[in-house]
Amino acid sequence: MKIMICFFSGTGNTALLTHAFAGALHDLGHTVSEHSLDGLNSGLPGQMARQINDCDILGIAYPVHAFNAPANILRFARLLPAQRETKPVFLLKTSGEPLRLNDVSSLKLIRLLRRRGYAARSEYHYVMPYNIIFRHSDTMAWRMLTTARDLIPLDAAELSCGAPRLPRSVPFGSLIASLMRCEHWGGRLNGRLYTVTEDCVRCGKCVRECPAGNIRMEKDGKIKFGGKCLMCMRCAQSCPKDAVKIGLFVYWKVNGAYSFQRPSSEEPEQRYNKLLTRAYERYFREAERRIDQTKESIT
């Protein structure tokens, strides 16, 4: 089968897992292509539209933003070429916590896809480190990535067999998702409040890498932020001088990319509130159970 995966990744977590999922599908004999949605602000490029029409299955990958798909992912769904015959879609998503509320994140996206002739058959959710709110320890980041990489071949095999998998409904899920989508316009407003400190060396990395084209460098070297911010945190986390201040959320900033390497020495155990602690324990426990069951069935 021809499989096309279109993805948006703020700070690299979703891109990392998209590549892993594409590799697992390739190992199963499928022809797979990956396409970044960076810079998609208007119409869909003609070549991308043709590839979407030509593929057998379309994959869409995104990081969960406030229990929703990011604004540019919803824009992408609206721009998709209409299909005469229903085209199957699978969704990949990442979030910093394995809360059930993340199950509502695709509701709006699935409705938009349905209007264009696409049907979401499967949805796969992986927990990866936060790029806002607080920073996970290196040990936790490594464990998250390792767990996702162990789950991905199982999910790719399930998708390849045509087995559907969509999350259970959440009480008042559509209402919750609708309310939380205020983050989209709130992010655009907050984006105008972004500034850089005196540590900025005008390297232009934030300008070049902003997926929304929201940052510009003026002739006098000043960095200006506009009203198209996606709150993806790429500029803040990738700044080599930690010079980007993220408006009202400055105290939730996470600077610097995760190494995802297994720490050589023991780190103090990272503490969370009770809700998050139970959610992480349940996520890892269920993942380990599924991985172990697969290994037992193979042997």
C-alpha atoms as a PDB file:
ATOM      1  CA  MET A   1       0.000   0.000   0.000  1.00  0.00           C
ATOM      2  CA  LYS A   2       0.958   3.605  -0.552  1.00  0.00           C
ATOM      3  CA  ILE A   3       0.873   5.432   2.749  1.00  0.00           C
ATOM      4  CA  MET A   4       1.420   9.158   3.167  1.00  0.00           C
ATOM      5  CA  ILE A   5       1.996  10.718   6.598  1.00  0.00           C
ATOM      6  CA  CYS A   6       1.592  14.484   6.943  1.00  0.00           C
ATOM      7  CA  PHE A   7       2.907  15.797  10.242  1.00  0.00           C
ATOM      8  CA  PHE A   8       3.392  18.901  12.309  1.00  0.00           C
ATOM      9  CA  SER A   9       5.977  18.873  15.078  1.00  0.00           C
ATOM     10  CA  GLY A  10       6.708  21.807  17.360  1.00  0.00           C
ATOM     11  CA  THR A  11       9.988  20.827  18.994  1.00  0.00           C
ATOM     12  CA  GLY A  12      10.654  17.484  17.292  1.00  0.00           C
ATOM     13  CA  ASN A  13       8.850  14.874  19.388  1.00  0.00           C
ATOM     14  CA  THR A  14       6.089  14.211  16.864  1.00  0.00           C
ATOM     15  CA  ALA A  15       8.559  14.221  13.962  1.00  0.00           C
ATOM     16  CA  LEU A  16      10.701  11.661  15.773  1.00  0.00           C
ATOM     17  CA  LEU A  17       7.775   9.266  16.221  1.00  0.00           C
ATOM     18  CA  THR A  18       6.404   9.911  12.735  1.00  0.00           C
ATOM     19  CA  HIS A  19       9.731   8.777  11.321  1.00  0.00           C
ATOM     20  CA  ALA A  20       9.701   5.694  13.551  1.00  0.00           C
ATOM     21  CA  PHE A  21       6.137   4.818  12.507  1.00  0.00           C
ATOM     22  CA  ALA A  22       6.995   5.285   8.835  1.00  0.00           C
ATOM     23  CA  GLY A  23       9.995   2.988   9.293  1.00  0.00           C
ATOM     24  CA  ALA A  24       7.841   0.312  10.922  1.00  0.00           C
ATOM     25  CA  LEU A  25       5.344   0.473   8.045  1.00  0.00           C
ATOM     26  CA  HIS A  26       8.187   0.286   5.532  1.00  0.00           C
ATOM     27  CA  ASP A  27       9.488  -2.847   7.259  1.00  0.00           C
ATOM     28  CA  LEU A  28       6.037  -4.371   6.717  1.00  0.00           C
ATOM     29  CA  GLY A  29       6.377  -3.860   2.969  1.00  0.00           C
ATOM     30  CA  HIS A  30       4.479  -0.601   2.453  1.00  0.00           C
ATOM     31  CA  THR A  31       5.595   2.411   0.434  1.00  0.00           C
ATOM     32  CA  VAL A  32       5.657   5.316   2.885  1.00  0.00           C
ATOM     33  CA  SER A  33       6.305   9.038   2.454  1.00  0.00           C
ATOM     34  CA  GLU A  34       6.542  11.729   5.144  1.00  0.00           C
ATOM     35  CA  HIS A  35       5.601  15.370   4.634  1.00  0.00           C
ATOM     36  CA  SER A  36       6.054  18.252   7.082  1.00  0.00           C
ATOM     37  CA  LEU A  37       3.229  20.789   7.335  1.00  0.00           C
ATOM     38  CA  ASP A  38       5.536  23.649   8.320  1.00  0.00           C
ATOM     39  CA  GLY A  39       4.669  26.872   6.540  1.00  0.00           C
ATOM     40  CA  LEU A  40       1.202  25.753   5.451  1.00  0.00           C
ATOM     41  CA  ASN A  41      -0.602  29.098   5.700  1.00  0.00           C
ATOM     42  CA  SER A  42      -2.778  29.162   2.587  1.00  0.00           C
ATOM     43  CA  GLY A  43      -3.598  26.620  -0.095  1.00  0.00           C
ATOM     44  CA  LEU A  44      -2.331  23.069  -0.359  1.00  0.00           C
ATOM     45  CA  PRO A  45       0.598  22.711  -2.809  1.00  0.00           C
ATOM     46  CA  GLY A  46      -0.506  20.976  -6.002  1.00  0.00           C
ATOM     47  CA  GLN A  47       2.052  18.190  -5.701  1.00  0.00           C
ATOM     48  CA  MET A  48       0.952  17.402  -2.131  1.00  0.00           C
ATOM     49  CA  ALA A  49      -2.710  17.324  -3.186  1.00  0.00           C
ATOM     50  CA  ARG A  50      -1.884  14.880  -5.991  1.00  0.00           C
ATOM     51  CA  GLN A  51       0.050  12.644  -3.599  1.00  0.00           C
ATOM     52  CA  ILE A  52      -2.863  12.661  -1.161  1.00  0.00           C
ATOM     53  CA  ASN A  53      -5.238  11.631  -3.932  1.00  0.00           C
ATOM     54  CA  ASP A  54      -2.826   8.902  -5.014  1.00  0.00           C
ATOM     55  CA  CYS A  55      -2.166   7.304  -1.602  1.00  0.00           C
ATOM     56  CA  ASP A  56      -4.189   4.412  -0.211  1.00  0.00           C
ATOM     57  CA  ILE A  57      -4.073   5.602   3.394  1.00  0.00           C
ATOM     58  CA  LEU A  58      -3.386   9.078   4.768  1.00  0.00           C
ATOM     59  CA  GLY A  59      -1.737   9.553   8.147  1.00  0.00           C
ATOM     60  CA  ILE A  60      -1.890  12.819  10.105  1.00  0.00           C
ATOM     61  CA  ALA A  61       0.471  13.345  13.053  1.00  0.00           C
ATOM     62  CA  TYR A  62       0.361  16.196  15.544  1.00  0.00           C
ATOM     63  CA  PRO A  63       1.172  17.239  19.135  1.00  0.00           C
ATOM     64  CA  VAL A  64      -1.849  17.765  21.366  1.00  0.00           C
ATOM     65  CA  HIS A  65      -2.355  21.439  22.264  1.00  0.00           C
ATOM     66  CA  ALA A  66      -4.770  22.036  25.167  1.00  0.00           C
ATOM     67  CA  PHE A  67      -6.618  18.765  24.460  1.00  0.00           C
ATOM     68  CA  ASN A  68      -7.011  19.689  20.773  1.00  0.00           C
ATOM     69  CA  ALA A  69      -5.231  19.397  17.463  1.00  0.00           C
ATOM     70  CA  PRO A  70      -3.176  22.524  16.663  1.00  0.00           C
ATOM     71  CA  ALA A  71      -4.803  25.214  14.544  1.00  0.00           C
ATOM     72  CA  ASN A  72      -2.639  24.468  11.503  1.00  0.00           C
ATOM     73  CA  ILE A  73      -3.696  20.797  11.555  1.00  0.00           C
ATOM     74  CA  LEU A  74      -7.355  21.847  11.433  1.00  0.00           C
ATOM     75  CA  ARG A  75      -6.484  24.230   8.588  1.00  0.00           C
ATOM     76  CA  PHE A  76      -4.795  21.365   6.750  1.00  0.00           C
ATOM     77  CA  ALA A  77      -7.954  19.238   7.107  1.00  0.00           C
ATOM     78  CA  ARG A  78     -10.043  22.027   5.568  1.00  0.00           C
ATOM     79  CA  LEU A  79      -7.633  22.268   2.615  1.00  0.00           C
ATOM     80  CA  LEU A  80      -7.600  18.551   1.798  1.00  0.00           C
ATOM     81  CA  PRO A  81      -8.791  17.617  -1.691  1.00  0.00           C
ATOM     82  CA  ALA A  82     -12.344  16.260  -1.563  1.00  0.00           C
ATOM     83  CA  GLN A  83     -12.665  12.520  -2.156  1.00  0.00           C
ATOM     84  CA  ARG A  84     -15.422  10.846  -4.155  1.00  0.00           C
ATOM     85  CA  GLU A  85     -14.758   7.536  -2.434  1.00  0.00           C
ATOM     86  CA  THR A  86     -13.981   7.501   1.270  1.00  0.00           C
ATOM     87  CA  LYS A  87     -10.256   7.493   1.967  1.00  0.00           C
ATOM     88  CA  PRO A  88      -9.079   5.905   5.245  1.00  0.00           C
ATOM     89  CA  VAL A  89      -7.031   8.002   7.663  1.00  0.00           C
ATOM     90  CA  PHE A  90      -5.005   7.156  10.755  1.00  0.00           C
ATOM     91  CA  LEU A  91      -3.941   9.671  13.384  1.00  0.00           C
ATOM     92  CA  LEU A  92      -0.724   9.812  15.405  1.00  0.00           C
ATOM     93  CA  LYS A  93      -0.547  12.180  18.344  1.00  0.00           C
ATOM     94  CA  THR A  94       1.839  13.012  21.146  1.00  0.00           C
ATOM     95  CA  SER A  95       1.241  14.698  24.479  1.00  0.00           C
ATOM     96  CA  GLY A  96       3.099  15.317  27.704  1.00  0.00           C
ATOM     97  CA  GLU A  97       0.623  13.398  29.814  1.00  0.00           C
ATOM     98  CA  PRO A  98      -1.490  10.237  29.320  1.00  0.00           C
ATOM     99  CA  LEU A  99      -4.734  11.736  30.596  1.00  0.00           C
ATOM    100  CA  ARG A 100      -8.006  10.476  29.113  1.00  0.00           C
ATOM    101  CA  LEU A 101      -8.921  14.053  28.203  1.00  0.00           C
ATOM    102  CA  ASN A 102      -6.400  13.768  25.372  1.00  0.00           C
ATOM    103  CA  ASP A 103      -8.860  11.338  23.760  1.00  0.00           C
ATOM    104  CA  VAL A 104     -11.033  14.314  22.764  1.00  0.00           C
ATOM    105  CA  SER A 105      -8.243  16.063  20.863  1.00  0.00           C
ATOM    106  CA  SER A 106      -9.202  14.662  17.441  1.00  0.00           C
ATOM    107  CA  LEU A 107     -12.971  15.188  17.589  1.00  0.00           C
ATOM    108  CA  LYS A 108     -12.961  18.429  15.581  1.00  0.00           C
ATOM    109  CA  LEU A 109     -10.334  17.057  13.190  1.00  0.00           C
ATOM    110  CA  ILE A 110     -12.360  13.898  12.512  1.00  0.00           C
ATOM    111  CA  ARG A 111     -15.467  15.976  11.715  1.00  0.00           C
ATOM    112  CA  LEU A 112     -13.517  18.144   9.263  1.00  0.00           C
ATOM    113  CA  LEU A 113     -12.028  15.060   7.617  1.00  0.00           C
ATOM    114  CA  ARG A 114     -15.461  13.480   7.229  1.00  0.00           C
ATOM    115  CA  ARG A 115     -16.726  16.541   5.340  1.00  0.00           C
ATOM    116  CA  ARG A 116     -13.900  16.132   2.809  1.00  0.00           C
ATOM    117  CA  GLY A 117     -14.475  12.405   2.311  1.00  0.00           C
ATOM    118  CA  TYR A 118     -11.924  10.973   4.762  1.00  0.00           C
ATOM    119  CA  ALA A 119     -12.685   8.480   7.525  1.00  0.00           C
ATOM    120  CA  ALA A 120     -10.512   8.154  10.619  1.00  0.00           C
ATOM    121  CA  ARG A 121     -10.069   4.436  11.258  1.00  0.00           C
ATOM    122  CA  SER A 122      -7.311   4.402  13.878  1.00  0.00           C
ATOM    123  CA  GLU A 123      -5.703   6.730  16.382  1.00  0.00           C
ATOM    124  CA  TYR A 124      -2.421   6.146  18.227  1.00  0.00           C
ATOM    125  CA  HIS A 125      -1.341   8.238  21.200  1.00  0.00           C
ATOM    126  CA  TYR A 126       2.191   8.337  22.599  1.00  0.00           C
ATOM    127  CA  VAL A 127       3.446  10.205  25.651  1.00  0.00           C
ATOM    128  CA  MET A 128       6.524  12.355  25.076  1.00  0.00           C
ATOM    129  CA  PRO A 129       8.219  15.042  27.218  1.00  0.00           C
ATOM    130  CA  TYR A 130       6.618  18.412  27.759  1.00  0.00           C
ATOM    131  CA  ASN A 131       7.945  21.427  25.858  1.00  0.00           C
ATOM    132  CA  ILE A 132       5.926  23.775  28.077  1.00  0.00           C
ATOM    133  CA  ILE A 133       4.709  23.778  31.716  1.00  0.00           C
ATOM    134  CA  PHE A 134       7.730  21.935  33.171  1.00  0.00           C
ATOM    135  CA  ARG A 135      10.739  19.948  32.050  1.00  0.00           C
ATOM    136  CA  HIS A 136      10.813  16.179  32.414  1.00  0.00           C
ATOM    137  CA  SER A 137      13.942  14.524  33.763  1.00  0.00           C
ATOM    138  CA  ASP A 138      16.349  12.913  31.307  1.00  0.00           C
ATOM    139  CA  THR A 139      15.399   9.528  32.733  1.00  0.00           C
ATOM    140  CA  MET A 140      11.688  10.104  32.112  1.00  0.00           C
ATOM    141  CA  ALA A 141      12.303  11.475  28.606  1.00  0.00           C
ATOM    142  CA  TRP A 142      14.372   8.397  27.737  1.00  0.00           C
ATOM    143  CA  ARG A 143      11.696   6.085  29.149  1.00  0.00           C
ATOM    144  CA  MET A 144       8.947   7.826  27.181  1.00  0.00           C
ATOM    145  CA  LEU A 145      10.814   7.550  23.887  1.00  0.00           C
ATOM    146  CA  THR A 146      11.836   3.939  24.525  1.00  0.00           C
ATOM    147  CA  THR A 147       8.236   2.969  25.328  1.00  0.00           C
ATOM    148  CA  ALA A 148       6.909   4.692  22.202  1.00  0.00           C
ATOM    149  CA  ARG A 149       9.503   2.981  20.021  1.00  0.00           C
ATOM    150  CA  ASP A 150       8.507  -0.392  21.473  1.00  0.00           C
ATOM    151  CA  LEU A 151       4.802   0.265  20.863  1.00  0.00           C
ATOM    152  CA  ILE A 152       5.092   1.641  17.341  1.00  0.00           C
ATOM    153  CA  PRO A 153       5.862  -1.673  15.553  1.00  0.00           C
ATOM    154  CA  LEU A 154       2.821  -3.223  17.251  1.00  0.00           C
ATOM    155  CA  ASP A 155       0.590  -0.331  16.197  1.00  0.00           C
ATOM    156  CA  ALA A 156       1.986  -0.327  12.654  1.00  0.00           C
ATOM    157  CA  ALA A 157       1.244  -4.057  12.361  1.00  0.00           C
ATOM    158  CA  GLU A 158      -2.294  -3.471  13.651  1.00  0.00           C
ATOM    159  CA  LEU A 159      -2.815  -0.679  11.108  1.00  0.00           C
ATOM    160  CA  SER A 160      -1.393  -2.849   8.335  1.00  0.00           C
ATOM    161  CA  CYS A 161      -3.951  -5.554   9.141  1.00  0.00           C
ATOM    162  CA  GLY A 162      -6.777  -3.039   8.909  1.00  0.00           C
ATOM    163  CA  ALA A 163      -7.799  -3.379  12.545  1.00  0.00           C
ATOM    164  CA  PRO A 164      -9.610  -0.197  13.660  1.00  0.00           C
ATOM    165  CA  ARG A 165      -8.694   1.536  16.894  1.00  0.00           C
ATOM    166  CA  LEU A 166     -10.343   4.712  18.089  1.00  0.00           C
ATOM    167  CA  PRO A 167     -10.432   5.936  21.699  1.00  0.00           C
ATOM    168  CA  ARG A 168     -13.509   5.545  23.859  1.00  0.00           C
ATOM    169  CA  SER A 169     -15.830   8.504  24.125  1.00  0.00           C
ATOM    170  CA  VAL A 170     -15.315  10.923  27.002  1.00  0.00           C
ATOM    171  CA  PRO A 171     -18.354  12.365  28.808  1.00  0.00           C
ATOM    172  CA  PHE A 172     -18.924  15.929  27.542  1.00  0.00           C
ATOM    173  CA  GLY A 173     -15.796  15.427  25.411  1.00  0.00           C
ATOM    174  CA  SER A 174     -16.962  17.586  22.503  1.00  0.00           C
ATOM    175  CA  LEU A 175     -17.884  20.434  24.862  1.00  0.00           C
ATOM    176  CA  ILE A 176     -14.538  20.218  26.659  1.00  0.00           C
ATOM    177  CA  ALA A 177     -12.620  20.242  23.379  1.00  0.00           C
ATOM    178  CA  SER A 178     -14.650  23.213  22.111  1.00  0.00           C
ATOM    179  CA  LEU A 179     -13.947  25.226  25.244  1.00  0.00           C
ATOM    180  CA  MET A 180     -10.237  24.405  25.213  1.00  0.00           C
ATOM    181  CA  ARG A 181      -9.880  25.534  21.598  1.00  0.00           C
ATOM    182  CA  CYS A 182      -9.721  29.055  22.993  1.00  0.00           C
ATOM    183  CA  GLU A 183      -5.995  28.244  23.108  1.00  0.00           C
ATOM    184  CA  HIS A 184      -5.872  28.801  19.341  1.00  0.00           C
ATOM    185  CA  TRP A 185      -6.836  32.484  19.443  1.00  0.00           C
ATOM    186  CA  GLY A 186      -5.250  32.875  22.871  1.00  0.00           C
ATOM    187  CA  GLY A 187      -1.970  31.619  21.438  1.00  0.00           C
ATOM    188  CA  ARG A 188      -2.135  34.176  18.638  1.00  0.00           C
ATOM    189  CA  LEU A 189      -2.715  36.957  21.145  1.00  0.00           C
ATOM    190  CA  ASN A 190       0.016  35.722  23.463  1.00  0.00           C
ATOM    191  CA  GLY A 191       2.380  35.364  20.515  1.00  0.00           C
ATOM    192  CA  ARG A 192       2.360  39.130  20.114  1.00  0.00           C
ATOM    193  CA  LEU A 193       3.736  39.372  23.665  1.00  0.00           C
ATOM    194  CA  TYR A 194       6.841  37.292  22.871  1.00  0.00           C
ATOM    195  CA  THR A 195      10.107  39.195  23.248  1.00  0.00           C
ATOM    196  CA  VAL A 196      13.820  38.475  23.289  1.00  0.00           C
ATOM    197  CA  THR A 197      16.227  39.430  26.030  1.00  0.00           C
ATOM    198  CA  GLU A 198      19.567  41.198  25.712  1.00  0.00           C
ATOM    199  CA  ASP A 199      21.191  37.751  25.402  1.00  0.00           C
ATOM    200  CA  CYS A 200      19.834  37.447  21.833  1.00  0.00           C
ATOM    201  CA  VAL A 201      22.710  37.343  19.315  1.00  0.00           C
ATOM    202  CA  ARG A 202      20.486  37.862  16.233  1.00  0.00           C
ATOM    203  CA  CYS A 203      21.427  34.457  14.809  1.00  0.00           C
ATOM    204  CA  GLY A 204      18.034  34.274  13.099  1.00  0.00           C
ATOM    205  CA  LYS A 205      17.372  30.671  14.075  1.00  0.00           C
ATOM    206  CA  CYS A 206      13.911  31.472  15.469  1.00  0.00           C
ATOM    207  CA  VAL A 207      13.008  33.351  12.278  1.00  0.00           C
ATOM    208  CA  ARG A 208      14.093  30.496  10.016  1.00  0.00           C
ATOM    209  CA  GLU A 209      12.466  27.730  12.037  1.00  0.00           C
ATOM    210  CA  CYS A 210       9.093  29.221  13.003  1.00  0.00           C
ATOM    211  CA  PRO A 211       6.537  26.924  11.308  1.00  0.00           C
ATOM    212  CA  ALA A 212       3.943  29.704  11.135  1.00  0.00           C
ATOM    213  CA  GLY A 213       6.253  32.406   9.716  1.00  0.00           C
ATOM    214  CA  ASN A 214       5.398  34.479  12.780  1.00  0.00           C
ATOM    215  CA  ILE A 215       8.856  35.852  13.546  1.00  0.00           C
ATOM    216  CA  ARG A 216      10.823  38.379  11.539  1.00  0.00           C
ATOM    217  CA  MET A 217      14.094  40.257  11.910  1.00  0.00           C
ATOM    218  CA  GLU A 218      13.912  43.930  11.024  1.00  0.00           C
ATOM    219  CA  LYS A 219      16.640  45.910   9.288  1.00  0.00           C
ATOM    220  CA  ASP A 220      17.907  47.217  12.612  1.00  0.00           C
ATOM    221  CA  GLY A 221      18.281  43.651  13.896  1.00  0.00           C
ATOM    222  CA  LYS A 222      15.256  43.717  16.190  1.00  0.00           C
ATOM    223  CA  ILE A 223      13.242  40.507  16.491  1.00  0.00           C
ATOM    224  CA  LYS A 224       9.495  41.002  16.025  1.00  0.00           C
ATOM    225  CA  PHE A 225       6.710  38.536  16.782  1.00  0.00           C
ATOM    226  CA  GLY A 226       3.341  38.654  15.017  1.00  0.00           C
ATOM    227  CA  GLY A 227      -0.172  37.298  15.514  1.00  0.00           C
ATOM    228  CA  LYS A 228       0.110  33.862  13.881  1.00  0.00           C
ATOM    229  CA  CYS A 229       1.749  32.015  16.791  1.00  0.00           C
ATOM    230  CA  LEU A 230       0.859  28.328  17.192  1.00  0.00           C
ATOM    231  CA  MET A 231       2.338  28.109  20.711  1.00  0.00           C
ATOM    232  CA  CYS A 232       4.509  25.236  19.501  1.00  0.00           C
ATOM    233  CA  MET A 233       7.488  26.434  21.603  1.00  0.00           C
ATOM    234  CA  ARG A 234      10.039  25.746  18.873  1.00  0.00           C
ATOM    235  CA  CYS A 235      11.570  29.218  19.087  1.00  0.00           C
ATOM    236  CA  ALA A 236      11.890  29.102  22.874  1.00  0.00           C
ATOM    237  CA  GLN A 237      13.247  25.588  23.140  1.00  0.00           C
ATOM    238  CA  SER A 238      15.726  25.855  20.256  1.00  0.00           C
ATOM    239  CA  CYS A 239      17.181  29.281  21.071  1.00  0.00           C
ATOM    240  CA  PRO A 240      20.931  28.777  21.674  1.00  0.00           C
ATOM    241  CA  LYS A 241      20.997  31.652  24.174  1.00  0.00           C
ATOM    242  CA  ASP A 242      17.685  30.974  25.969  1.00  0.00           C
ATOM    243  CA  ALA A 243      16.703  34.491  24.933  1.00  0.00           C
ATOM    244  CA  VAL A 244      13.045  34.036  23.919  1.00  0.00           C
ATOM    245  CA  LYS A 245      10.435  35.063  26.498  1.00  0.00           C
ATOM    246  CA  ILE A 246       7.062  33.453  25.780  1.00  0.00           C
ATOM    247  CA  GLY A 247       4.696  36.198  26.879  1.00  0.00           C
ATOM    248  CA  LEU A 248       2.276  35.340  29.670  1.00  0.00           C
ATOM    249  CA  PHE A 249       3.649  31.791  29.944  1.00  0.00           C
ATOM    250  CA  VAL A 250       7.232  32.802  30.697  1.00  0.00           C
ATOM    251  CA  TYR A 251       7.269  30.754  33.921  1.00  0.00           C
ATOM    252  CA  TRP A 252       6.203  27.609  32.023  1.00  0.00           C
ATOM    253  CA  LYS A 253       9.088  27.837  29.598  1.00  0.00           C
ATOM    254  CA  VAL A 254      11.198  24.749  28.845  1.00  0.00           C
ATOM    255  CA  ASN A 255      14.527  25.600  27.220  1.00  0.00           C
ATOM    256  CA  GLY A 256      16.846  23.270  25.362  1.00  0.00           C
ATOM    257  CA  ALA A 257      16.142  20.054  23.479  1.00  0.00           C
ATOM    258  CA  TYR A 258      15.958  16.715  25.285  1.00  0.00           C
ATOM    259  CA  SER A 259      18.893  14.411  24.579  1.00  0.00           C
ATOM    260  CA  PHE A 260      16.770  11.227  24.905  1.00  0.00           C
ATOM    261  CA  GLN A 261      19.908   9.392  26.017  1.00  0.00           C
ATOM    262  CA  ARG A 262      19.750   7.008  28.932  1.00  0.00           C
ATOM    263  CA  PRO A 263      21.397   8.812  31.876  1.00  0.00           C
ATOM    264  CA  SER A 264      24.663   7.235  32.943  1.00  0.00           C
ATOM    265  CA  SER A 265      23.930   7.891  36.611  1.00  0.00           C
ATOM    266  CA  GLU A 266      20.826   7.638  38.751  1.00  0.00           C
ATOM    267  CA  GLU A 267      18.712  10.780  38.878  1.00  0.00           C
ATOM    268  CA  PRO A 268      16.425  11.727  41.763  1.00  0.00           C
ATOM    269  CA  GLU A 269      12.922  10.462  41.069  1.00  0.00           C
ATOM    270  CA  GLN A 270      10.802  13.162  39.445  1.00  0.00           C
ATOM    271  CA  ARG A 271       7.768  14.086  41.517  1.00  0.00           C
ATOM    272  CA  TYR A 272       4.304  14.829  40.110  1.00  0.00           C
ATOM    273  CA  ASN A 273       0.904  15.474  41.591  1.00  0.00           C
ATOM    274  CA  LYS A 274      -1.218  12.398  42.342  1.00  0.00           C
ATOM    275  CA  LEU A 275      -3.261  12.638  39.139  1.00  0.00           C
ATOM    276  CA  LEU A 276      -0.208  12.718  36.878  1.00  0.00           C
ATOM    277  CA  THR A 277       1.607  10.060  38.915  1.00  0.00           C
ATOM    278  CA  ARG A 278      -1.282   7.621  38.506  1.00  0.00           C
ATOM    279  CA  ALA A 279      -1.639   8.475  34.812  1.00  0.00           C
ATOM    280  CA  TYR A 280       2.052   7.865  34.053  1.00  0.00           C
ATOM    281  CA  GLU A 281       2.098   4.629  36.051  1.00  0.00           C
ATOM    282  CA  ARG A 282      -0.984   3.365  34.222  1.00  0.00           C
ATOM    283  CA  TYR A 283       0.448   4.318  30.802  1.00  0.00           C
ATOM    284  CA  PHE A 284       3.752   2.534  31.342  1.00  0.00           C
ATOM    285  CA  ARG A 285       2.089  -0.471  32.987  1.00  0.00           C
ATOM    286  CA  GLU A 286      -0.342  -0.964  30.107  1.00  0.00           C
ATOM    287  CA  ALA A 287       2.404  -0.444  27.520  1.00  0.00           C
ATOM    288  CA  GLU A 288       4.667  -3.003  29.197  1.00  0.00           C
ATOM    289  CA  ARG A 289       1.806  -5.506  29.412  1.00  0.00           C
ATOM    290  CA  ARG A 290       1.074  -5.173  25.712  1.00  0.00           C
ATOM    291  CA  ILE A 291       4.728  -5.434  24.725  1.00  0.00           C
ATOM    292  CA  ASP A 292       5.232  -8.516  26.930  1.00  0.00           C
ATOM    293  CA  GLN A 293       2.111 -10.211  25.530  1.00  0.00           C
ATOM    294  CA  THR A 294       3.392  -9.695  21.993  1.00  0.00           C
ATOM    295  CA  LYS A 295       6.787 -11.137  22.870  1.00  0.00           C
ATOM    296  CA  GLU A 296       5.134 -14.186  24.469  1.00  0.00           C
ATOM    297  CA  SER A 297       2.966 -14.791  21.406  1.00  0.00           C
ATOM    298  CA  ILE A 298       6.040 -14.670  19.152  1.00  0.00           C
ATOM    299  CA  THR A 299       8.024 -17.133  21.280  1.00  0.00           C
END
